[in-house]
Amino acid sequence: MGHVNNARYLGWVQDAVLAHWNRIAPAEDVASKAWVALKHEITYRKPAFLEDDVIAQTVLEQYQGARAFYHTVIRRGEDVLAEVRSSWCCIDAQTLRPARIGEHLRALFFPDSD
């Protein structure tokens, strides 16, 4: 039918979430942590097609313990193609066990909450 597969939407979400983390978190946290997706809830608004240029914008809504909760909107121009709510588990990059997201990161990810 010419539209992208559902897995491509998940790839866009993963790219957006990891880019967000890598852009804001300090280098030592980026190097010592990794992320595993726990859940994605996708609401499709319009189809994306193979040659579309899309933008995925993500917002970290909250984190608690080792879990982070993101809201990602995938757009083609002004058209919203999909909205995705996802939860992620932060893991220690060496042990691969869940790792708490440090409170020292709260001010970086939520600068207006002070």
PDB file of N, CA and C in Angstrom:
ATOM      1  N   MET A   1       0.821  -1.208   0.000  1.00  0.00           N
ATOM      2  CA  MET A   1       0.000   0.000   0.000  1.00  0.00           C
ATOM      3  C   MET A   1       0.856   1.259   0.000  1.00  0.00           C
ATOM      4  N   GLY A   2       2.167   1.099   0.011  1.00  0.00           N
ATOM      5  CA  GLY A   2       3.055   2.253  -0.106  1.00  0.00           C
ATOM      6  C   GLY A   2       3.374   2.970   1.185  1.00  0.00           C
ATOM      7  N   HIS A   3       2.734   2.611   2.281  1.00  0.00           N
ATOM      8  CA  HIS A   3       3.054   3.293   3.533  1.00  0.00           C
ATOM      9  C   HIS A   3       4.125   2.516   4.286  1.00  0.00           C
ATOM     10  N   VAL A   4       4.760   3.186   5.249  1.00  0.00           N
ATOM     11  CA  VAL A   4       5.835   2.533   5.996  1.00  0.00           C
ATOM     12  C   VAL A   4       5.263   1.516   6.971  1.00  0.00           C
ATOM     13  N   ASN A   5       6.075   0.549   7.310  1.00  0.00           N
ATOM     14  CA  ASN A   5       5.718  -0.483   8.261  1.00  0.00           C
ATOM     15  C   ASN A   5       5.685   0.087   9.681  1.00  0.00           C
ATOM     16  N   ASN A   6       4.891  -0.518  10.535  1.00  0.00           N
ATOM     17  CA  ASN A   6       4.793  -0.070  11.927  1.00  0.00           C
ATOM     18  C   ASN A   6       6.149  -0.025  12.622  1.00  0.00           C
ATOM     19  N   ALA A   7       7.042  -0.927  12.269  1.00  0.00           N
ATOM     20  CA  ALA A   7       8.363  -0.959  12.893  1.00  0.00           C
ATOM     21  C   ALA A   7       9.139   0.328  12.622  1.00  0.00           C
ATOM     22  N   ARG A   8       8.872   0.971  11.504  1.00  0.00           N
ATOM     23  CA  ARG A   8       9.581   2.219  11.189  1.00  0.00           C
ATOM     24  C   ARG A   8       9.193   3.318  12.171  1.00  0.00           C
ATOM     25  N   TYR A   9       7.933   3.362  12.573  1.00  0.00           N
ATOM     26  CA  TYR A   9       7.512   4.339  13.581  1.00  0.00           C
ATOM     27  C   TYR A   9       8.294   4.126  14.874  1.00  0.00           C
ATOM     28  N   LEU A  10       8.458   2.864  15.270  1.00  0.00           N
ATOM     29  CA  LEU A  10       9.204   2.559  16.488  1.00  0.00           C
ATOM     30  C   LEU A  10      10.668   2.962  16.348  1.00  0.00           C
ATOM     31  N   GLY A  11      11.219   2.807  15.162  1.00  0.00           N
ATOM     32  CA  GLY A  11      12.590   3.264  14.924  1.00  0.00           C
ATOM     33  C   GLY A  11      12.724   4.763  15.096  1.00  0.00           C
ATOM     34  N   TRP A  12      11.748   5.501  14.590  1.00  0.00           N
ATOM     35  CA  TRP A  12      11.775   6.959  14.750  1.00  0.00           C
ATOM     36  C   TRP A  12      11.684   7.345  16.224  1.00  0.00           C
ATOM     37  N   VAL A  13      10.838   6.657  16.973  1.00  0.00           N
ATOM     38  CA  VAL A  13      10.714   6.939  18.408  1.00  0.00           C
ATOM     39  C   VAL A  13      12.037   6.647  19.103  1.00  0.00           C
ATOM     40  N   GLN A  14      12.619   5.501  18.831  1.00  0.00           N
ATOM     41  CA  GLN A  14      13.886   5.149  19.463  1.00  0.00           C
ATOM     42  C   GLN A  14      14.961   6.172  19.131  1.00  0.00           C
ATOM     43  N   ASP A  15      15.050   6.569  17.874  1.00  0.00           N
ATOM     44  CA  ASP A  15      16.043   7.571  17.480  1.00  0.00           C
ATOM     45  C   ASP A  15      15.830   8.877  18.243  1.00  0.00           C
ATOM     46  N   ALA A  16      14.580   9.303  18.375  1.00  0.00           N
ATOM     47  CA  ALA A  16      14.279  10.568  19.050  1.00  0.00           C
ATOM     48  C   ALA A  16      14.601  10.498  20.541  1.00  0.00           C
ATOM     49  N   VAL A  17      14.204   9.410  21.196  1.00  0.00           N
ATOM     50  CA  VAL A  17      14.455   9.269  22.639  1.00  0.00           C
ATOM     51  C   VAL A  17      15.952   9.223  22.923  1.00  0.00           C
ATOM     52  N   LEU A  18      16.692   8.422  22.161  1.00  0.00           N
ATOM     53  CA  LEU A  18      18.132   8.315  22.397  1.00  0.00           C
ATOM     54  C   LEU A  18      18.849   9.628  22.087  1.00  0.00           C
ATOM     55  N   ALA A  19      18.418  10.331  21.058  1.00  0.00           N
ATOM     56  CA  ALA A  19      19.019  11.633  20.743  1.00  0.00           C
ATOM     57  C   ALA A  19      18.758  12.619  21.872  1.00  0.00           C
ATOM     58  N   HIS A  20      17.565  12.586  22.432  1.00  0.00           N
ATOM     59  CA  HIS A  20      17.213  13.459  23.560  1.00  0.00           C
ATOM     60  C   HIS A  20      18.133  13.182  24.747  1.00  0.00           C
ATOM     61  N   TRP A  21      18.267  11.914  25.119  1.00  0.00           N
ATOM     62  CA  TRP A  21      19.138  11.516  26.230  1.00  0.00           C
ATOM     63  C   TRP A  21      20.586  11.941  25.953  1.00  0.00           C
ATOM     64  N   ASN A  22      21.088  11.631  24.768  1.00  0.00           N
ATOM     65  CA  ASN A  22      22.485  11.932  24.432  1.00  0.00           C
ATOM     66  C   ASN A  22      22.770  13.427  24.394  1.00  0.00           C
ATOM     67  N   ARG A  23      21.769  14.230  24.039  1.00  0.00           N
ATOM     68  CA  ARG A  23      21.947  15.681  23.945  1.00  0.00           C
ATOM     69  C   ARG A  23      21.972  16.343  25.316  1.00  0.00           C
ATOM     70  N   ILE A  24      21.196  15.824  26.281  1.00  0.00           N
ATOM     71  CA  ILE A  24      21.028  16.513  27.560  1.00  0.00           C
ATOM     72  C   ILE A  24      21.857  15.902  28.687  1.00  0.00           C
ATOM     73  N   ALA A  25      21.958  14.594  28.751  1.00  0.00           N
ATOM     74  CA  ALA A  25      22.654  13.939  29.861  1.00  0.00           C
ATOM     75  C   ALA A  25      24.163  14.200  29.780  1.00  0.00           C
ATOM     76  N   PRO A  26      24.807  14.304  30.945  1.00  0.00           N
ATOM     77  CA  PRO A  26      26.272  14.451  30.950  1.00  0.00           C
ATOM     78  C   PRO A  26      26.954  13.239  30.316  1.00  0.00           C
ATOM     79  N   ALA A  27      28.136  13.457  29.768  1.00  0.00           N
ATOM     80  CA  ALA A  27      28.863  12.410  29.045  1.00  0.00           C
ATOM     81  C   ALA A  27      29.057  11.147  29.879  1.00  0.00           C
ATOM     82  N   GLU A  28      29.323  11.303  31.166  1.00  0.00           N
ATOM     83  CA  GLU A  28      29.541  10.114  32.000  1.00  0.00           C
ATOM     84  C   GLU A  28      28.265   9.279  32.152  1.00  0.00           C
ATOM     85  N   ASP A  29      27.102   9.927  32.172  1.00  0.00           N
ATOM     86  CA  ASP A  29      25.835   9.196  32.226  1.00  0.00           C
ATOM     87  C   ASP A  29      25.532   8.538  30.882  1.00  0.00           C
ATOM     88  N   VAL A  30      25.812   9.232  29.796  1.00  0.00           N
ATOM     89  CA  VAL A  30      25.606   8.661  28.465  1.00  0.00           C
ATOM     90  C   VAL A  30      26.469   7.413  28.294  1.00  0.00           C
ATOM     91  N   ALA A  31      27.718   7.476  28.752  1.00  0.00           N
ATOM     92  CA  ALA A  31      28.645   6.354  28.587  1.00  0.00           C
ATOM     93  C   ALA A  31      28.297   5.166  29.482  1.00  0.00           C
ATOM     94  N   SER A  32      27.721   5.417  30.648  1.00  0.00           N
ATOM     95  CA  SER A  32      27.511   4.335  31.616  1.00  0.00           C
ATOM     96  C   SER A  32      26.108   3.746  31.601  1.00  0.00           C
ATOM     97  N   LYS A  33      25.198   4.331  30.835  1.00  0.00           N
ATOM     98  CA  LYS A  33      23.808   3.881  30.823  1.00  0.00           C
ATOM     99  C   LYS A  33      23.392   3.489  29.405  1.00  0.00           C
ATOM    100  N   ALA A  34      22.402   2.614  29.347  1.00  0.00           N
ATOM    101  CA  ALA A  34      21.774   2.232  28.079  1.00  0.00           C
ATOM    102  C   ALA A  34      20.268   2.188  28.335  1.00  0.00           C
ATOM    103  N   TRP A  35      19.493   2.020  27.277  1.00  0.00           N
ATOM    104  CA  TRP A  35      18.030   2.071  27.398  1.00  0.00           C
ATOM    105  C   TRP A  35      17.387   0.863  26.739  1.00  0.00           C
ATOM    106  N   VAL A  36      16.350   0.372  27.387  1.00  0.00           N
ATOM    107  CA  VAL A  36      15.548  -0.722  26.854  1.00  0.00           C
ATOM    108  C   VAL A  36      14.091  -0.260  26.839  1.00  0.00           C
ATOM    109  N   ALA A  37      13.444  -0.400  25.705  1.00  0.00           N
ATOM    110  CA  ALA A  37      12.028  -0.030  25.610  1.00  0.00           C
ATOM    111  C   ALA A  37      11.186  -1.058  26.362  1.00  0.00           C
ATOM    112  N   LEU A  38      10.248  -0.574  27.162  1.00  0.00           N
ATOM    113  CA  LEU A  38       9.336  -1.449  27.896  1.00  0.00           C
ATOM    114  C   LEU A  38       7.962  -1.512  27.251  1.00  0.00           C
ATOM    115  N   LYS A  39       7.501  -0.359  26.741  1.00  0.00           N
ATOM    116  CA  LYS A  39       6.140  -0.304  26.209  1.00  0.00           C
ATOM    117  C   LYS A  39       6.015   0.876  25.254  1.00  0.00           C
ATOM    118  N   HIS A  40       5.294   0.650  24.158  1.00  0.00           N
ATOM    119  CA  HIS A  40       4.946   1.727  23.227  1.00  0.00           C
ATOM    120  C   HIS A  40       3.445   1.664  22.984  1.00  0.00           C
ATOM    121  N   GLU A  41       2.811   2.810  23.075  1.00  0.00           N
ATOM    122  CA  GLU A  41       1.400   2.915  22.716  1.00  0.00           C
ATOM    123  C   GLU A  41       1.308   3.950  21.607  1.00  0.00           C
ATOM    124  N   ILE A  42       0.954   3.480  20.403  1.00  0.00           N
ATOM    125  CA  ILE A  42       0.961   4.342  19.223  1.00  0.00           C
ATOM    126  C   ILE A  42      -0.468   4.656  18.802  1.00  0.00           C
ATOM    127  N   THR A  43      -0.732   5.947  18.613  1.00  0.00           N
ATOM    128  CA  THR A  43      -1.983   6.377  18.015  1.00  0.00           C
ATOM    129  C   THR A  43      -1.642   6.918  16.634  1.00  0.00           C
ATOM    130  N   TYR A  44      -2.105   6.224  15.609  1.00  0.00           N
ATOM    131  CA  TYR A  44      -1.842   6.614  14.230  1.00  0.00           C
ATOM    132  C   TYR A  44      -2.888   7.634  13.791  1.00  0.00           C
ATOM    133  N   ARG A  45      -2.430   8.738  13.230  1.00  0.00           N
ATOM    134  CA  ARG A  45      -3.328   9.791  12.748  1.00  0.00           C
ATOM    135  C   ARG A  45      -3.440   9.781  11.223  1.00  0.00           C
ATOM    136  N   LYS A  46      -2.301   9.664  10.552  1.00  0.00           N
ATOM    137  CA  LYS A  46      -2.245   9.641   9.087  1.00  0.00           C
ATOM    138  C   LYS A  46      -1.091   8.737   8.689  1.00  0.00           C
ATOM    139  N   PRO A  47      -1.152   8.132   7.510  1.00  0.00           N
ATOM    140  CA  PRO A  47      -0.061   7.242   7.106  1.00  0.00           C
ATOM    141  C   PRO A  47       1.200   8.009   6.706  1.00  0.00           C
ATOM    142  N   ALA A  48       2.340   7.393   6.968  1.00  0.00           N
ATOM    143  CA  ALA A  48       3.617   7.888   6.451  1.00  0.00           C
ATOM    144  C   ALA A  48       3.968   7.009   5.253  1.00  0.00           C
ATOM    145  N   PHE A  49       4.522   7.627   4.224  1.00  0.00           N
ATOM    146  CA  PHE A  49       4.869   6.900   3.011  1.00  0.00           C
ATOM    147  C   PHE A  49       6.389   6.800   2.867  1.00  0.00           C
ATOM    148  N   LEU A  50       6.825   5.912   2.003  1.00  0.00           N
ATOM    149  CA  LEU A  50       8.232   5.548   1.919  1.00  0.00           C
ATOM    150  C   LEU A  50       9.172   6.728   1.688  1.00  0.00           C
ATOM    151  N   GLU A  51       8.777   7.688   0.909  1.00  0.00           N
ATOM    152  CA  GLU A  51       9.657   8.814   0.579  1.00  0.00           C
ATOM    153  C   GLU A  51       9.431  10.043   1.452  1.00  0.00           C
ATOM    154  N   ASP A  52       8.596   9.949   2.473  1.00  0.00           N
ATOM    155  CA  ASP A  52       8.296  11.098   3.338  1.00  0.00           C
ATOM    156  C   ASP A  52       9.495  11.515   4.179  1.00  0.00           C
ATOM    157  N   ASP A  53       9.637  12.828   4.352  1.00  0.00           N
ATOM    158  CA  ASP A  53      10.563  13.381   5.338  1.00  0.00           C
ATOM    159  C   ASP A  53       9.737  13.639   6.586  1.00  0.00           C
ATOM    160  N   VAL A  54      10.098  12.983   7.666  1.00  0.00           N
ATOM    161  CA  VAL A  54       9.345  13.147   8.906  1.00  0.00           C
ATOM    162  C   VAL A  54      10.264  13.671  10.000  1.00  0.00           C
ATOM    163  N   ILE A  55       9.643  14.268  10.994  1.00  0.00           N
ATOM    164  CA  ILE A  55      10.345  14.743  12.183  1.00  0.00           C
ATOM    165  C   ILE A  55       9.664  14.121  13.386  1.00  0.00           C
ATOM    166  N   ALA A  56      10.463  13.544  14.275  1.00  0.00           N
ATOM    167  CA  ALA A  56       9.951  12.993  15.525  1.00  0.00           C
ATOM    168  C   ALA A  56      10.431  13.897  16.651  1.00  0.00           C
ATOM    169  N   GLN A  57       9.482  14.510  17.345  1.00  0.00           N
ATOM    170  CA  GLN A  57       9.797  15.382  18.478  1.00  0.00           C
ATOM    171  C   GLN A  57       9.371  14.671  19.751  1.00  0.00           C
ATOM    172  N   THR A  58      10.273  14.625  20.720  1.00  0.00           N
ATOM    173  CA  THR A  58       9.968  13.887  21.938  1.00  0.00           C
ATOM    174  C   THR A  58      10.127  14.758  23.163  1.00  0.00           C
ATOM    175  N   VAL A  59       9.339  14.435  24.178  1.00  0.00           N
ATOM    176  CA  VAL A  59       9.378  15.129  25.456  1.00  0.00           C
ATOM    177  C   VAL A  59       9.441  14.077  26.554  1.00  0.00           C
ATOM    178  N   LEU A  60      10.387  14.243  27.467  1.00  0.00           N
ATOM    179  CA  LEU A  60      10.423  13.404  28.655  1.00  0.00           C
ATOM    180  C   LEU A  60       9.388  13.955  29.616  1.00  0.00           C
ATOM    181  N   GLU A  61       8.361  13.175  29.891  1.00  0.00           N
ATOM    182  CA  GLU A  61       7.293  13.646  30.764  1.00  0.00           C
ATOM    183  C   GLU A  61       7.644  13.468  32.237  1.00  0.00           C
ATOM    184  N   GLN A  62       8.284  12.350  32.567  1.00  0.00           N
ATOM    185  CA  GLN A  62       8.711  12.119  33.943  1.00  0.00           C
ATOM    186  C   GLN A  62       9.657  10.936  33.981  1.00  0.00           C
ATOM    187  N   TYR A  63      10.378  10.832  35.089  1.00  0.00           N
ATOM    188  CA  TYR A  63      11.127   9.608  35.348  1.00  0.00           C
ATOM    189  C   TYR A  63      11.060   9.307  36.827  1.00  0.00           C
ATOM    190  N   GLN A  64      11.158   8.021  37.109  1.00  0.00           N
ATOM    191  CA  GLN A  64      11.096   7.562  38.493  1.00  0.00           C
ATOM    192  C   GLN A  64      11.896   6.267  38.579  1.00  0.00           C
ATOM    193  N   GLY A  65      12.822   6.213  39.514  1.00  0.00           N
ATOM    194  CA  GLY A  65      13.668   5.031  39.640  1.00  0.00           C
ATOM    195  C   GLY A  65      14.462   4.825  38.365  1.00  0.00           C
ATOM    196  N   ALA A  66      14.266   3.677  37.727  1.00  0.00           N
ATOM    197  CA  ALA A  66      14.967   3.369  36.481  1.00  0.00           C
ATOM    198  C   ALA A  66      14.090   3.588  35.251  1.00  0.00           C
ATOM    199  N   ARG A  67      12.864   4.056  35.454  1.00  0.00           N
ATOM    200  CA  ARG A  67      11.931   4.205  34.326  1.00  0.00           C
ATOM    201  C   ARG A  67      11.773   5.659  33.892  1.00  0.00           C
ATOM    202  N   ALA A  68      11.671   5.811  32.559  1.00  0.00           N
ATOM    203  CA  ALA A  68      11.439   7.119  31.962  1.00  0.00           C
ATOM    204  C   ALA A  68      10.223   7.007  31.049  1.00  0.00           C
ATOM    205  N   PHE A  69       9.429   8.064  31.033  1.00  0.00           N
ATOM    206  CA  PHE A  69       8.180   8.079  30.273  1.00  0.00           C
ATOM    207  C   PHE A  69       8.228   9.227  29.268  1.00  0.00           C
ATOM    208  N   TYR A  70       8.144   8.868  27.990  1.00  0.00           N
ATOM    209  CA  TYR A  70       8.271   9.832  26.901  1.00  0.00           C
ATOM    210  C   TYR A  70       6.977   9.948  26.102  1.00  0.00           C
ATOM    211  N   HIS A  71       6.769  11.128  25.527  1.00  0.00           N
ATOM    212  CA  HIS A  71       5.698  11.376  24.561  1.00  0.00           C
ATOM    213  C   HIS A  71       6.372  11.877  23.295  1.00  0.00           C
ATOM    214  N   THR A  72       6.155  11.168  22.194  1.00  0.00           N
ATOM    215  CA  THR A  72       6.780  11.514  20.920  1.00  0.00           C
ATOM    216  C   THR A  72       5.694  11.770  19.881  1.00  0.00           C
ATOM    217  N   VAL A  73       5.857  12.862  19.139  1.00  0.00           N
ATOM    218  CA  VAL A  73       4.950  13.196  18.044  1.00  0.00           C
ATOM    219  C   VAL A  73       5.737  13.114  16.742  1.00  0.00           C
ATOM    220  N   ILE A  74       5.205  12.367  15.793  1.00  0.00           N
ATOM    221  CA  ILE A  74       5.845  12.202  14.491  1.00  0.00           C
ATOM    222  C   ILE A  74       5.040  13.016  13.484  1.00  0.00           C
ATOM    223  N   ARG A  75       5.749  13.941  12.806  1.00  0.00           N
ATOM    224  CA  ARG A  75       5.090  14.853  11.870  1.00  0.00           C
ATOM    225  C   ARG A  75       5.720  14.774  10.490  1.00  0.00           C
ATOM    226  N   ARG A  76       4.894  15.081   9.501  1.00  0.00           N
ATOM    227  CA  ARG A  76       5.325  15.350   8.131  1.00  0.00           C
ATOM    228  C   ARG A  76       4.827  16.759   7.870  1.00  0.00           C
ATOM    229  N   GLY A  77       5.741  17.716   7.904  1.00  0.00           N
ATOM    230  CA  GLY A  77       5.312  19.111   7.816  1.00  0.00           C
ATOM    231  C   GLY A  77       4.434  19.442   9.011  1.00  0.00           C
ATOM    232  N   GLU A  78       3.261  19.990   8.748  1.00  0.00           N
ATOM    233  CA  GLU A  78       2.321  20.329   9.819  1.00  0.00           C
ATOM    234  C   GLU A  78       1.419  19.162  10.204  1.00  0.00           C
ATOM    235  N   ASP A  79       1.415  18.109   9.403  1.00  0.00           N
ATOM    236  CA  ASP A  79       0.542  16.964   9.661  1.00  0.00           C
ATOM    237  C   ASP A  79       1.114  16.062  10.748  1.00  0.00           C
ATOM    238  N   VAL A  80       0.305  15.775  11.752  1.00  0.00           N
ATOM    239  CA  VAL A  80       0.686  14.804  12.777  1.00  0.00           C
ATOM    240  C   VAL A  80       0.356  13.418  12.231  1.00  0.00           C
ATOM    241  N   LEU A  81       1.383  12.587  12.120  1.00  0.00           N
ATOM    242  CA  LEU A  81       1.206  11.231  11.608  1.00  0.00           C
ATOM    243  C   LEU A  81       0.920  10.233  12.725  1.00  0.00           C
ATOM    244  N   ALA A  82       1.576  10.434  13.864  1.00  0.00           N
ATOM    245  CA  ALA A  82       1.384   9.509  14.981  1.00  0.00           C
ATOM    246  C   ALA A  82       1.817  10.171  16.280  1.00  0.00           C
ATOM    247  N   GLU A  83       1.209   9.722  17.363  1.00  0.00           N
ATOM    248  CA  GLU A  83       1.614  10.110  18.706  1.00  0.00           C
ATOM    249  C   GLU A  83       1.941   8.831  19.456  1.00  0.00           C
ATOM    250  N   VAL A  84       3.063   8.852  20.160  1.00  0.00           N
ATOM    251  CA  VAL A  84       3.534   7.643  20.828  1.00  0.00           C
ATOM    252  C   VAL A  84       3.852   7.949  22.282  1.00  0.00           C
ATOM    253  N   ARG A  85       3.264   7.188  23.167  1.00  0.00           N
ATOM    254  CA  ARG A  85       3.619   7.225  24.582  1.00  0.00           C
ATOM    255  C   ARG A  85       4.438   5.970  24.838  1.00  0.00           C
ATOM    256  N   SER A  86       5.611   6.156  25.419  1.00  0.00           N
ATOM    257  CA  SER A  86       6.477   5.009  25.625  1.00  0.00           C
ATOM    258  C   SER A  86       7.133   5.065  26.994  1.00  0.00           C
ATOM    259  N   SER A  87       7.435   3.889  27.508  1.00  0.00           N
ATOM    260  CA  SER A  87       8.190   3.801  28.754  1.00  0.00           C
ATOM    261  C   SER A  87       9.464   3.025  28.474  1.00  0.00           C
ATOM    262  N   TRP A  88      10.504   3.441  29.170  1.00  0.00           N
ATOM    263  CA  TRP A  88      11.851   2.925  28.943  1.00  0.00           C
ATOM    264  C   TRP A  88      12.484   2.591  30.275  1.00  0.00           C
ATOM    265  N   CYS A  89      13.364   1.600  30.279  1.00  0.00           N
ATOM    266  CA  CYS A  89      14.118   1.244  31.469  1.00  0.00           C
ATOM    267  C   CYS A  89      15.578   1.616  31.241  1.00  0.00           C
ATOM    268  N   CYS A  90      16.123   2.376  32.171  1.00  0.00           N
ATOM    269  CA  CYS A  90      17.538   2.721  32.144  1.00  0.00           C
ATOM    270  C   CYS A  90      18.310   1.535  32.715  1.00  0.00           C
ATOM    271  N   ILE A  91      19.353   1.114  32.017  1.00  0.00           N
ATOM    272  CA  ILE A  91      20.161  -0.001  32.509  1.00  0.00           C
ATOM    273  C   ILE A  91      21.632   0.388  32.574  1.00  0.00           C
ATOM    274  N   ASP A  92      22.347  -0.257  33.462  1.00  0.00           N
ATOM    275  CA  ASP A  92      23.789  -0.094  33.562  1.00  0.00           C
ATOM    276  C   ASP A  92      24.403  -0.741  32.317  1.00  0.00           C
ATOM    277  N   ALA A  93      25.235  -0.017  31.616  1.00  0.00           N
ATOM    278  CA  ALA A  93      25.777  -0.498  30.344  1.00  0.00           C
ATOM    279  C   ALA A  93      26.697  -1.707  30.509  1.00  0.00           C
ATOM    280  N   GLN A  94      27.263  -1.901  31.687  1.00  0.00           N
ATOM    281  CA  GLN A  94      28.148  -3.053  31.888  1.00  0.00           C
ATOM    282  C   GLN A  94      27.409  -4.258  32.453  1.00  0.00           C
ATOM    283  N   THR A  95      26.589  -4.043  33.473  1.00  0.00           N
ATOM    284  CA  THR A  95      25.919  -5.185  34.114  1.00  0.00           C
ATOM    285  C   THR A  95      24.613  -5.560  33.426  1.00  0.00           C
ATOM    286  N   LEU A  96      24.053  -4.615  32.640  1.00  0.00           N
ATOM    287  CA  LEU A  96      22.764  -4.778  31.966  1.00  0.00           C
ATOM    288  C   LEU A  96      21.606  -4.953  32.952  1.00  0.00           C
ATOM    289  N   ARG A  97      21.796  -4.463  34.156  1.00  0.00           N
ATOM    290  CA  ARG A  97      20.742  -4.485  35.169  1.00  0.00           C
ATOM    291  C   ARG A  97      20.124  -3.092  35.265  1.00  0.00           C
ATOM    292  N   PRO A  98      18.860  -3.000  35.696  1.00  0.00           N
ATOM    293  CA  PRO A  98      18.235  -1.680  35.834  1.00  0.00           C
ATOM    294  C   PRO A  98      19.082  -0.744  36.698  1.00  0.00           C
ATOM    295  N   ALA A  99      19.123   0.515  36.281  1.00  0.00           N
ATOM    296  CA  ALA A  99      19.914   1.532  36.980  1.00  0.00           C
ATOM    297  C   ALA A  99      19.037   2.755  37.227  1.00  0.00           C
ATOM    298  N   ARG A 100      18.990   3.190  38.460  1.00  0.00           N
ATOM    299  CA  ARG A 100      18.223   4.386  38.797  1.00  0.00           C
ATOM    300  C   ARG A 100      18.738   5.579  37.995  1.00  0.00           C
ATOM    301  N   ILE A 101      17.810   6.421  37.600  1.00  0.00           N
ATOM    302  CA  ILE A 101      18.162   7.656  36.911  1.00  0.00           C
ATOM    303  C   ILE A 101      18.433   8.676  38.008  1.00  0.00           C
ATOM    304  N   GLY A 102      19.646   9.175  38.060  1.00  0.00           N
ATOM    305  CA  GLY A 102      20.081  10.031  39.160  1.00  0.00           C
ATOM    306  C   GLY A 102      19.283  11.321  39.293  1.00  0.00           C
ATOM    307  N   GLU A 103      19.095  11.719  40.539  1.00  0.00           N
ATOM    308  CA  GLU A 103      18.396  12.983  40.807  1.00  0.00           C
ATOM    309  C   GLU A 103      19.179  14.180  40.287  1.00  0.00           C
ATOM    310  N   HIS A 104      20.494  14.025  40.126  1.00  0.00           N
ATOM    311  CA  HIS A 104      21.305  15.121  39.582  1.00  0.00           C
ATOM    312  C   HIS A 104      20.880  15.486  38.160  1.00  0.00           C
ATOM    313  N   LEU A 105      20.124  14.598  37.498  1.00  0.00           N
ATOM    314  CA  LEU A 105      19.674  14.860  36.126  1.00  0.00           C
ATOM    315  C   LEU A 105      18.366  15.640  36.063  1.00  0.00           C
ATOM    316  N   ARG A 106      17.644  15.691  37.172  1.00  0.00           N
ATOM    317  CA  ARG A 106      16.322  16.325  37.165  1.00  0.00           C
ATOM    318  C   ARG A 106      16.393  17.774  36.686  1.00  0.00           C
ATOM    319  N   ALA A 107      17.347  18.533  37.174  1.00  0.00           N
ATOM    320  CA  ALA A 107      17.462  19.949  36.780  1.00  0.00           C
ATOM    321  C   ALA A 107      17.827  20.097  35.306  1.00  0.00           C
ATOM    322  N   LEU A 108      18.546  19.117  34.753  1.00  0.00           N
ATOM    323  CA  LEU A 108      18.906  19.183  33.329  1.00  0.00           C
ATOM    324  C   LEU A 108      17.716  18.881  32.431  1.00  0.00           C
ATOM    325  N   PHE A 109      16.929  17.877  32.808  1.00  0.00           N
ATOM    326  CA  PHE A 109      15.797  17.457  31.976  1.00  0.00           C
ATOM    327  C   PHE A 109      14.526  18.259  32.242  1.00  0.00           C
ATOM    328  N   PHE A 110      14.439  18.841  33.440  1.00  0.00           N
ATOM    329  CA  PHE A 110      13.247  19.632  33.805  1.00  0.00           C
ATOM    330  C   PHE A 110      13.704  20.974  34.399  1.00  0.00           C
ATOM    331  N   PRO A 111      14.322  21.829  33.584  1.00  0.00           N
ATOM    332  CA  PRO A 111      14.895  23.074  34.119  1.00  0.00           C
ATOM    333  C   PRO A 111      13.868  24.036  34.692  1.00  0.00           C
ATOM    334  N   ASP A 112      12.626  23.944  34.278  1.00  0.00           N
ATOM    335  CA  ASP A 112      11.596  24.884  34.752  1.00  0.00           C
ATOM    336  C   ASP A 112      10.907  24.421  36.022  1.00  0.00           C
ATOM    337  N   SER A 113      11.302  23.259  36.551  1.00  0.00           N
ATOM    338  CA  SER A 113      10.581  22.726  37.708  1.00  0.00           C
ATOM    339  C   SER A 113      11.140  23.217  39.033  1.00  0.00           C
ATOM    340  N   ASP A 114      12.195  24.006  39.004  1.00  0.00           N
ATOM    341  CA  ASP A 114      12.773  24.520  40.261  1.00  0.00           C
ATOM    342  C   ASP A 114      11.928  25.598  40.875  1.00  0.00           C
TER     343      ASP A 114
END
